Amino acid sequence: MWKAGTIIGIAAFVLAFATSAGISPLCGLLCISPIAGVVAGYLAGVFDKPVTGGGGAKCGVIGGAIAGVGAFLGQALAGVVNALFAPQIAQFVGRTFDLPADVNTTRIIAFGWGLCGGLVDIVIMAGLGTLGGYLWYQFVRSKAAPAAPPPNPTM
């Protein structure tokens, strides 16, 4: 769980920061989190090798949540960068909701968007990590150990 979460968390940090600061904060949320969550859950199953489907889901949710923390940090850092260097995204959001167009409001919107998006990242990645862990169990473990035949009754 920890190993998979850390590996995918580092990758999610870099990708969430790059897409949220470079392309759009929404892209960091919707493009990176679902894929990274499933991959983190699947890798948690690979590393921990749970013996039940529920165990696979548990490993997946923990691995996905750990990786989600990395995505949260990437989104939050991108929010700071957007607040300081790219205020046009926040200005667009401010005009949409009729908020004042001063510099401070724009920066608060940009930073708040990064924090809220990061929190949603954790939830999405933990939820889809559950799916990834369960899929690992279904693909690997359930086929690896077929049920033993029932014992022969002796008369």
N, C-alpha and C. Protein backbone atom coordinates (compact mmCIF):
# COMPACT_ATOMS: atom_id res chain seq x y z
N MET A 1 0.82 -1.18 0.00
CA MET A 1 0.00 0.00 0.00
C MET A 1 0.87 1.25 0.00
N TRP A 2 1.79 1.33 0.94
CA TRP A 2 2.61 2.52 1.06
C TRP A 2 3.54 2.67 -0.14
N LYS A 3 4.09 1.56 -0.61
CA LYS A 3 5.02 1.62 -1.72
C LYS A 3 4.29 2.08 -2.99
N ALA A 4 3.15 1.48 -3.27
CA ALA A 4 2.37 1.85 -4.46
C ALA A 4 1.87 3.28 -4.35
N GLY A 5 1.37 3.65 -3.17
CA GLY A 5 0.88 5.01 -2.97
C GLY A 5 1.97 6.05 -3.14
N THR A 6 3.17 5.74 -2.66
CA THR A 6 4.27 6.69 -2.77
C THR A 6 4.73 6.83 -4.22
N ILE A 7 4.85 5.72 -4.92
CA ILE A 7 5.29 5.76 -6.32
C ILE A 7 4.29 6.56 -7.16
N ILE A 8 3.04 6.21 -7.07
CA ILE A 8 2.02 6.90 -7.87
C ILE A 8 1.80 8.32 -7.34
N GLY A 9 1.97 8.52 -6.03
CA GLY A 9 1.83 9.86 -5.47
C GLY A 9 2.86 10.83 -6.02
N ILE A 10 4.10 10.38 -6.18
CA ILE A 10 5.14 11.23 -6.76
C ILE A 10 4.80 11.56 -8.21
N ALA A 11 4.38 10.54 -8.96
CA ALA A 11 3.99 10.78 -10.35
C ALA A 11 2.77 11.70 -10.43
N ALA A 12 1.80 11.50 -9.54
CA ALA A 12 0.61 12.34 -9.54
C ALA A 12 0.94 13.77 -9.15
N PHE A 13 1.89 13.95 -8.24
CA PHE A 13 2.33 15.30 -7.86
C PHE A 13 2.86 16.04 -9.09
N VAL A 14 3.76 15.40 -9.80
CA VAL A 14 4.37 16.04 -10.96
C VAL A 14 3.33 16.31 -12.04
N LEU A 15 2.50 15.31 -12.34
CA LEU A 15 1.51 15.48 -13.40
C LEU A 15 0.42 16.47 -13.01
N ALA A 16 -0.05 16.44 -11.77
CA ALA A 16 -1.08 17.38 -11.34
C ALA A 16 -0.55 18.80 -11.35
N PHE A 17 0.68 18.99 -10.92
CA PHE A 17 1.26 20.32 -10.95
C PHE A 17 1.42 20.80 -12.39
N ALA A 18 1.97 19.95 -13.25
CA ALA A 18 2.23 20.36 -14.63
C ALA A 18 0.93 20.67 -15.37
N THR A 19 -0.08 19.84 -15.22
CA THR A 19 -1.32 20.09 -15.94
C THR A 19 -2.13 21.23 -15.33
N SER A 20 -2.12 21.35 -14.01
CA SER A 20 -2.91 22.41 -13.37
C SER A 20 -2.27 23.77 -13.56
N ALA A 21 -0.97 23.85 -13.54
CA ALA A 21 -0.30 25.13 -13.73
C ALA A 21 -0.12 25.45 -15.21
N GLY A 22 0.07 24.42 -16.03
CA GLY A 22 0.36 24.66 -17.43
C GLY A 22 -0.85 24.70 -18.34
N ILE A 23 -1.81 23.83 -18.11
CA ILE A 23 -2.96 23.75 -19.02
C ILE A 23 -4.18 24.39 -18.36
N SER A 24 -4.71 23.72 -17.36
CA SER A 24 -5.90 24.20 -16.67
C SER A 24 -6.02 23.47 -15.34
N PRO A 25 -6.47 24.14 -14.29
CA PRO A 25 -6.67 23.44 -13.02
C PRO A 25 -7.68 22.30 -13.12
N LEU A 26 -8.64 22.44 -14.02
CA LEU A 26 -9.64 21.39 -14.19
C LEU A 26 -9.03 20.15 -14.84
N CYS A 27 -8.05 20.33 -15.69
CA CYS A 27 -7.40 19.19 -16.34
C CYS A 27 -6.62 18.36 -15.31
N GLY A 28 -5.98 19.02 -14.38
CA GLY A 28 -5.27 18.29 -13.33
C GLY A 28 -6.21 17.45 -12.50
N LEU A 29 -7.43 17.91 -12.36
CA LEU A 29 -8.42 17.19 -11.56
C LEU A 29 -9.06 16.04 -12.33
N LEU A 30 -9.49 16.29 -13.54
CA LEU A 30 -10.26 15.29 -14.28
C LEU A 30 -9.42 14.35 -15.13
N CYS A 31 -8.23 14.74 -15.49
CA CYS A 31 -7.41 13.88 -16.36
C CYS A 31 -6.48 12.96 -15.59
N ILE A 32 -5.92 13.46 -14.51
CA ILE A 32 -4.88 12.71 -13.79
C ILE A 32 -5.48 11.79 -12.73
N SER A 33 -6.39 12.30 -11.94
CA SER A 33 -6.87 11.57 -10.76
C SER A 33 -7.51 10.22 -11.05
N PRO A 34 -8.42 10.11 -12.01
CA PRO A 34 -9.04 8.79 -12.22
C PRO A 34 -8.05 7.71 -12.63
N ILE A 35 -7.17 8.04 -13.56
CA ILE A 35 -6.20 7.05 -14.03
C ILE A 35 -5.21 6.70 -12.92
N ALA A 36 -4.70 7.71 -12.24
CA ALA A 36 -3.71 7.47 -11.18
C ALA A 36 -4.33 6.70 -10.02
N GLY A 37 -5.60 6.93 -9.73
CA GLY A 37 -6.26 6.21 -8.64
C GLY A 37 -6.37 4.72 -8.92
N VAL A 38 -6.79 4.38 -10.13
CA VAL A 38 -6.90 2.96 -10.49
C VAL A 38 -5.53 2.30 -10.50
N VAL A 39 -4.54 2.99 -11.06
CA VAL A 39 -3.18 2.43 -11.11
C VAL A 39 -2.62 2.25 -9.70
N ALA A 40 -2.85 3.20 -8.81
CA ALA A 40 -2.35 3.07 -7.43
C ALA A 40 -2.99 1.87 -6.74
N GLY A 41 -4.29 1.69 -6.93
CA GLY A 41 -4.96 0.54 -6.33
C GLY A 41 -4.46 -0.78 -6.88
N TYR A 42 -4.25 -0.83 -8.19
CA TYR A 42 -3.76 -2.06 -8.81
C TYR A 42 -2.35 -2.38 -8.32
N LEU A 43 -1.48 -1.35 -8.27
CA LEU A 43 -0.13 -1.58 -7.78
C LEU A 43 -0.11 -1.97 -6.30
N ALA A 44 -1.03 -1.45 -5.52
CA ALA A 44 -1.12 -1.86 -4.12
C ALA A 44 -1.42 -3.35 -4.03
N GLY A 45 -2.26 -3.85 -4.92
CA GLY A 45 -2.52 -5.29 -4.98
C GLY A 45 -1.30 -6.07 -5.41
N VAL A 46 -0.56 -5.53 -6.37
CA VAL A 46 0.65 -6.21 -6.85
C VAL A 46 1.68 -6.33 -5.73
N PHE A 47 1.87 -5.25 -4.97
CA PHE A 47 2.90 -5.27 -3.93
C PHE A 47 2.46 -6.02 -2.67
N ASP A 48 1.18 -5.92 -2.28
CA ASP A 48 0.72 -6.52 -1.02
C ASP A 48 0.14 -7.92 -1.18
N LYS A 49 -0.33 -8.26 -2.37
CA LYS A 49 -0.90 -9.57 -2.66
C LYS A 49 -1.96 -10.01 -1.64
N PRO A 50 -3.07 -9.28 -1.54
CA PRO A 50 -4.13 -9.69 -0.61
C PRO A 50 -4.78 -10.99 -1.06
N VAL A 51 -5.36 -11.72 -0.12
CA VAL A 51 -5.91 -13.03 -0.44
C VAL A 51 -7.42 -13.01 -0.68
N THR A 52 -8.08 -11.90 -0.41
CA THR A 52 -9.52 -11.81 -0.67
C THR A 52 -9.80 -10.57 -1.50
N GLY A 53 -10.99 -10.53 -2.11
CA GLY A 53 -11.40 -9.36 -2.87
C GLY A 53 -11.54 -8.13 -1.99
N GLY A 54 -12.04 -8.33 -0.76
CA GLY A 54 -12.15 -7.22 0.18
C GLY A 54 -10.80 -6.71 0.60
N GLY A 55 -9.85 -7.61 0.75
CA GLY A 55 -8.48 -7.20 1.08
C GLY A 55 -7.85 -6.41 -0.06
N GLY A 56 -8.15 -6.81 -1.30
CA GLY A 56 -7.66 -6.06 -2.45
C GLY A 56 -8.25 -4.66 -2.50
N ALA A 57 -9.53 -4.56 -2.20
CA ALA A 57 -10.17 -3.24 -2.17
C ALA A 57 -9.59 -2.37 -1.06
N LYS A 58 -9.32 -2.98 0.11
CA LYS A 58 -8.75 -2.22 1.22
C LYS A 58 -7.35 -1.72 0.87
N CYS A 59 -6.52 -2.57 0.30
CA CYS A 59 -5.19 -2.13 -0.12
C CYS A 59 -5.30 -1.03 -1.16
N GLY A 60 -6.25 -1.18 -2.07
CA GLY A 60 -6.43 -0.18 -3.13
C GLY A 60 -6.86 1.17 -2.61
N VAL A 61 -7.79 1.18 -1.65
CA VAL A 61 -8.26 2.47 -1.14
C VAL A 61 -7.16 3.19 -0.37
N ILE A 62 -6.36 2.46 0.37
CA ILE A 62 -5.26 3.10 1.11
C ILE A 62 -4.18 3.58 0.15
N GLY A 63 -3.82 2.75 -0.83
CA GLY A 63 -2.84 3.17 -1.82
C GLY A 63 -3.31 4.36 -2.63
N GLY A 64 -4.59 4.36 -3.01
CA GLY A 64 -5.14 5.49 -3.76
C GLY A 64 -5.17 6.77 -2.93
N ALA A 65 -5.50 6.65 -1.65
CA ALA A 65 -5.54 7.83 -0.78
C ALA A 65 -4.14 8.40 -0.58
N ILE A 66 -3.15 7.52 -0.42
CA ILE A 66 -1.77 8.00 -0.27
C ILE A 66 -1.32 8.71 -1.55
N ALA A 67 -1.64 8.13 -2.68
CA ALA A 67 -1.31 8.78 -3.95
C ALA A 67 -2.09 10.08 -4.12
N GLY A 68 -3.31 10.11 -3.60
CA GLY A 68 -4.12 11.33 -3.67
C GLY A 68 -3.50 12.48 -2.92
N VAL A 69 -2.77 12.19 -1.86
CA VAL A 69 -2.07 13.25 -1.13
C VAL A 69 -1.01 13.90 -2.03
N GLY A 70 -0.34 13.10 -2.82
CA GLY A 70 0.63 13.65 -3.78
C GLY A 70 -0.05 14.55 -4.80
N ALA A 71 -1.21 14.11 -5.32
CA ALA A 71 -1.95 14.94 -6.26
C ALA A 71 -2.45 16.21 -5.60
N PHE A 72 -2.87 16.11 -4.33
CA PHE A 72 -3.32 17.29 -3.58
C PHE A 72 -2.19 18.31 -3.48
N LEU A 73 -1.00 17.84 -3.14
CA LEU A 73 0.13 18.76 -3.02
C LEU A 73 0.47 19.41 -4.37
N GLY A 74 0.38 18.64 -5.44
CA GLY A 74 0.62 19.20 -6.77
C GLY A 74 -0.41 20.24 -7.15
N GLN A 75 -1.69 19.95 -6.86
CA GLN A 75 -2.76 20.92 -7.15
C GLN A 75 -2.60 22.18 -6.31
N ALA A 76 -2.26 22.01 -5.03
CA ALA A 76 -2.11 23.17 -4.15
C ALA A 76 -0.94 24.05 -4.61
N LEU A 77 0.18 23.43 -4.97
CA LEU A 77 1.32 24.20 -5.47
C LEU A 77 0.97 24.91 -6.78
N ALA A 78 0.23 24.24 -7.63
CA ALA A 78 -0.21 24.87 -8.88
C ALA A 78 -1.16 26.03 -8.59
N GLY A 79 -1.97 25.92 -7.54
CA GLY A 79 -2.83 27.03 -7.15
C GLY A 79 -2.03 28.25 -6.75
N VAL A 80 -0.94 28.03 -6.03
CA VAL A 80 -0.07 29.15 -5.64
C VAL A 80 0.57 29.77 -6.88
N VAL A 81 1.06 28.93 -7.79
CA VAL A 81 1.69 29.44 -9.01
C VAL A 81 0.66 30.20 -9.85
N ASN A 82 -0.54 29.65 -9.98
CA ASN A 82 -1.58 30.33 -10.75
C ASN A 82 -1.98 31.65 -10.10
N ALA A 83 -2.02 31.66 -8.77
CA ALA A 83 -2.39 32.90 -8.07
C ALA A 83 -1.35 33.99 -8.29
N LEU A 84 -0.09 33.61 -8.33
CA LEU A 84 0.96 34.61 -8.46
C LEU A 84 1.29 34.99 -9.90
N PHE A 85 1.24 34.00 -10.82
CA PHE A 85 1.75 34.25 -12.16
C PHE A 85 0.73 34.10 -13.29
N ALA A 86 -0.42 33.51 -13.05
CA ALA A 86 -1.41 33.29 -14.11
C ALA A 86 -2.81 33.64 -13.63
N PRO A 87 -3.08 34.91 -13.37
CA PRO A 87 -4.39 35.27 -12.80
C PRO A 87 -5.53 35.26 -13.80
N GLN A 88 -5.27 35.08 -15.08
CA GLN A 88 -6.34 35.16 -16.07
C GLN A 88 -7.38 34.05 -15.89
N ILE A 89 -6.98 32.88 -15.42
CA ILE A 89 -7.94 31.80 -15.19
C ILE A 89 -8.89 32.18 -14.07
N ALA A 90 -8.35 32.70 -12.99
CA ALA A 90 -9.18 33.11 -11.86
C ALA A 90 -10.04 34.32 -12.23
N GLN A 91 -9.55 35.20 -13.08
CA GLN A 91 -10.36 36.34 -13.51
C GLN A 91 -11.57 35.88 -14.30
N PHE A 92 -11.39 34.85 -15.12
CA PHE A 92 -12.51 34.30 -15.87
C PHE A 92 -13.57 33.73 -14.92
N VAL A 93 -13.13 33.00 -13.90
CA VAL A 93 -14.06 32.45 -12.91
C VAL A 93 -14.75 33.58 -12.16
N GLY A 94 -14.01 34.61 -11.80
CA GLY A 94 -14.59 35.75 -11.10
C GLY A 94 -15.64 36.46 -11.91
N ARG A 95 -15.40 36.64 -13.21
CA ARG A 95 -16.41 37.28 -14.08
C ARG A 95 -17.64 36.40 -14.21
N THR A 96 -17.43 35.10 -14.25
CA THR A 96 -18.58 34.18 -14.39
C THR A 96 -19.52 34.29 -13.21
N PHE A 97 -18.99 34.44 -12.00
CA PHE A 97 -19.81 34.50 -10.80
C PHE A 97 -20.00 35.93 -10.27
N ASP A 98 -19.71 36.94 -11.08
CA ASP A 98 -19.87 38.35 -10.70
C ASP A 98 -19.13 38.72 -9.42
N LEU A 99 -17.93 38.26 -9.30
CA LEU A 99 -17.09 38.61 -8.16
C LEU A 99 -16.24 39.83 -8.51
N PRO A 100 -15.80 40.58 -7.52
CA PRO A 100 -14.96 41.74 -7.82
C PRO A 100 -13.69 41.31 -8.56
N ALA A 101 -13.24 42.14 -9.46
CA ALA A 101 -12.10 41.78 -10.31
C ALA A 101 -10.78 42.33 -9.79
N ASP A 102 -10.68 42.57 -8.49
CA ASP A 102 -9.42 43.07 -7.97
C ASP A 102 -8.40 41.94 -7.84
N VAL A 103 -7.17 42.32 -7.62
CA VAL A 103 -6.07 41.36 -7.61
C VAL A 103 -6.20 40.36 -6.46
N ASN A 104 -6.57 40.81 -5.29
CA ASN A 104 -6.66 39.91 -4.14
C ASN A 104 -7.74 38.85 -4.32
N THR A 105 -8.89 39.24 -4.83
CA THR A 105 -9.97 38.26 -5.06
C THR A 105 -9.53 37.23 -6.09
N THR A 106 -8.86 37.70 -7.12
CA THR A 106 -8.37 36.78 -8.15
C THR A 106 -7.39 35.77 -7.57
N ARG A 107 -6.51 36.22 -6.72
CA ARG A 107 -5.53 35.30 -6.12
C ARG A 107 -6.20 34.32 -5.17
N ILE A 108 -7.18 34.78 -4.42
CA ILE A 108 -7.90 33.88 -3.51
C ILE A 108 -8.64 32.81 -4.31
N ILE A 109 -9.25 33.18 -5.42
CA ILE A 109 -9.95 32.21 -6.26
C ILE A 109 -8.98 31.17 -6.81
N ALA A 110 -7.84 31.62 -7.31
CA ALA A 110 -6.86 30.68 -7.88
C ALA A 110 -6.33 29.72 -6.83
N PHE A 111 -5.99 30.24 -5.66
CA PHE A 111 -5.47 29.38 -4.61
C PHE A 111 -6.57 28.45 -4.07
N GLY A 112 -7.75 28.98 -3.87
CA GLY A 112 -8.87 28.15 -3.40
C GLY A 112 -9.23 27.04 -4.38
N TRP A 113 -9.15 27.35 -5.67
CA TRP A 113 -9.41 26.32 -6.68
C TRP A 113 -8.40 25.19 -6.57
N GLY A 114 -7.15 25.52 -6.33
CA GLY A 114 -6.12 24.49 -6.18
C GLY A 114 -6.35 23.63 -4.94
N LEU A 115 -6.73 24.26 -3.83
CA LEU A 115 -6.98 23.48 -2.60
C LEU A 115 -8.21 22.59 -2.74
N CYS A 116 -9.30 23.16 -3.24
CA CYS A 116 -10.52 22.36 -3.38
C CYS A 116 -10.34 21.23 -4.39
N GLY A 117 -9.66 21.54 -5.50
CA GLY A 117 -9.37 20.49 -6.48
C GLY A 117 -8.50 19.40 -5.91
N GLY A 118 -7.56 19.77 -5.06
CA GLY A 118 -6.70 18.78 -4.43
C GLY A 118 -7.46 17.87 -3.48
N LEU A 119 -8.40 18.44 -2.74
CA LEU A 119 -9.21 17.60 -1.84
C LEU A 119 -10.08 16.64 -2.64
N VAL A 120 -10.62 17.10 -3.75
CA VAL A 120 -11.40 16.21 -4.61
C VAL A 120 -10.51 15.13 -5.20
N ASP A 121 -9.25 15.47 -5.50
CA ASP A 121 -8.29 14.47 -5.98
C ASP A 121 -8.16 13.31 -5.01
N ILE A 122 -8.04 13.61 -3.72
CA ILE A 122 -7.88 12.55 -2.72
C ILE A 122 -9.10 11.63 -2.73
N VAL A 123 -10.29 12.21 -2.78
CA VAL A 123 -11.52 11.40 -2.77
C VAL A 123 -11.62 10.53 -4.02
N ILE A 124 -11.37 11.13 -5.18
CA ILE A 124 -11.46 10.38 -6.44
C ILE A 124 -10.43 9.25 -6.47
N MET A 125 -9.21 9.55 -6.07
CA MET A 125 -8.15 8.54 -6.15
C MET A 125 -8.35 7.43 -5.13
N ALA A 126 -8.87 7.75 -3.96
CA ALA A 126 -9.15 6.69 -2.98
C ALA A 126 -10.29 5.80 -3.48
N GLY A 127 -11.32 6.41 -4.02
CA GLY A 127 -12.45 5.62 -4.53
C GLY A 127 -12.06 4.72 -5.69
N LEU A 128 -11.32 5.27 -6.63
CA LEU A 128 -10.91 4.46 -7.77
C LEU A 128 -9.75 3.54 -7.44
N GLY A 129 -9.02 3.84 -6.36
CA GLY A 129 -8.02 2.89 -5.87
C GLY A 129 -8.67 1.61 -5.39
N THR A 130 -9.87 1.75 -4.80
CA THR A 130 -10.64 0.57 -4.40
C THR A 130 -10.92 -0.31 -5.60
N LEU A 131 -11.33 0.33 -6.70
CA LEU A 131 -11.60 -0.41 -7.93
C LEU A 131 -10.33 -1.09 -8.44
N GLY A 132 -9.22 -0.37 -8.42
CA GLY A 132 -7.95 -0.95 -8.90
C GLY A 132 -7.51 -2.14 -8.08
N GLY A 133 -7.63 -2.07 -6.75
CA GLY A 133 -7.27 -3.20 -5.89
C GLY A 133 -8.16 -4.40 -6.12
N TYR A 134 -9.45 -4.15 -6.29
CA TYR A 134 -10.38 -5.25 -6.54
C TYR A 134 -10.13 -5.86 -7.92
N LEU A 135 -9.82 -5.03 -8.91
CA LEU A 135 -9.52 -5.55 -10.24
C LEU A 135 -8.26 -6.42 -10.21
N TRP A 136 -7.26 -6.01 -9.42
CA TRP A 136 -6.07 -6.85 -9.31
C TRP A 136 -6.46 -8.22 -8.77
N TYR A 137 -7.28 -8.24 -7.75
CA TYR A 137 -7.71 -9.51 -7.17
C TYR A 137 -8.44 -10.36 -8.22
N GLN A 138 -9.32 -9.73 -8.98
CA GLN A 138 -10.08 -10.48 -9.98
C GLN A 138 -9.19 -11.00 -11.10
N PHE A 139 -8.22 -10.22 -11.53
CA PHE A 139 -7.37 -10.63 -12.65
C PHE A 139 -6.31 -11.64 -12.25
N VAL A 140 -5.77 -11.53 -11.05
CA VAL A 140 -4.60 -12.33 -10.68
C VAL A 140 -4.95 -13.39 -9.65
N ARG A 141 -5.39 -12.97 -8.50
CA ARG A 141 -5.52 -13.88 -7.37
C ARG A 141 -6.66 -14.87 -7.54
N SER A 142 -7.79 -14.45 -8.09
CA SER A 142 -8.92 -15.38 -8.18
C SER A 142 -8.65 -16.51 -9.18
N LYS A 143 -7.75 -16.29 -10.13
CA LYS A 143 -7.42 -17.34 -11.09
C LYS A 143 -6.22 -18.16 -10.66
N ALA A 144 -5.45 -17.66 -9.70
CA ALA A 144 -4.20 -18.32 -9.31
C ALA A 144 -4.45 -19.55 -8.44
N ALA A 145 -5.47 -19.52 -7.64
CA ALA A 145 -5.69 -20.62 -6.70
C ALA A 145 -7.11 -21.18 -6.89
N PRO A 146 -7.26 -22.15 -7.78
CA PRO A 146 -8.60 -22.74 -7.93
C PRO A 146 -8.98 -23.52 -6.68
N ALA A 147 -10.26 -23.61 -6.48
CA ALA A 147 -10.77 -24.32 -5.30
C ALA A 147 -10.38 -25.79 -5.37
N ALA A 148 -10.05 -26.34 -4.24
CA ALA A 148 -9.70 -27.76 -4.15
C ALA A 148 -10.98 -28.60 -4.30
N PRO A 149 -10.87 -29.74 -4.94
CA PRO A 149 -12.06 -30.59 -5.08
C PRO A 149 -12.49 -31.12 -3.69
N PRO A 150 -13.76 -31.37 -3.53
CA PRO A 150 -14.23 -31.88 -2.24
C PRO A 150 -13.64 -33.27 -1.97
N PRO A 151 -13.42 -33.59 -0.71
CA PRO A 151 -12.85 -34.91 -0.40
C PRO A 151 -13.82 -36.03 -0.79
N ASN A 152 -13.21 -37.16 -1.13
CA ASN A 152 -14.01 -38.34 -1.51
C ASN A 152 -14.59 -38.99 -0.25
N PRO A 153 -15.89 -39.18 -0.21
CA PRO A 153 -16.45 -39.88 0.96
C PRO A 153 -16.10 -41.38 0.88
N THR A 154 -15.64 -41.93 1.92
CA THR A 154 -15.32 -43.36 1.96
C THR A 154 -16.43 -44.10 2.70
N MET A 155 -16.83 -45.17 2.14
CA MET A 155 -17.89 -45.95 2.76
C MET A 155 -17.41 -47.20 3.31
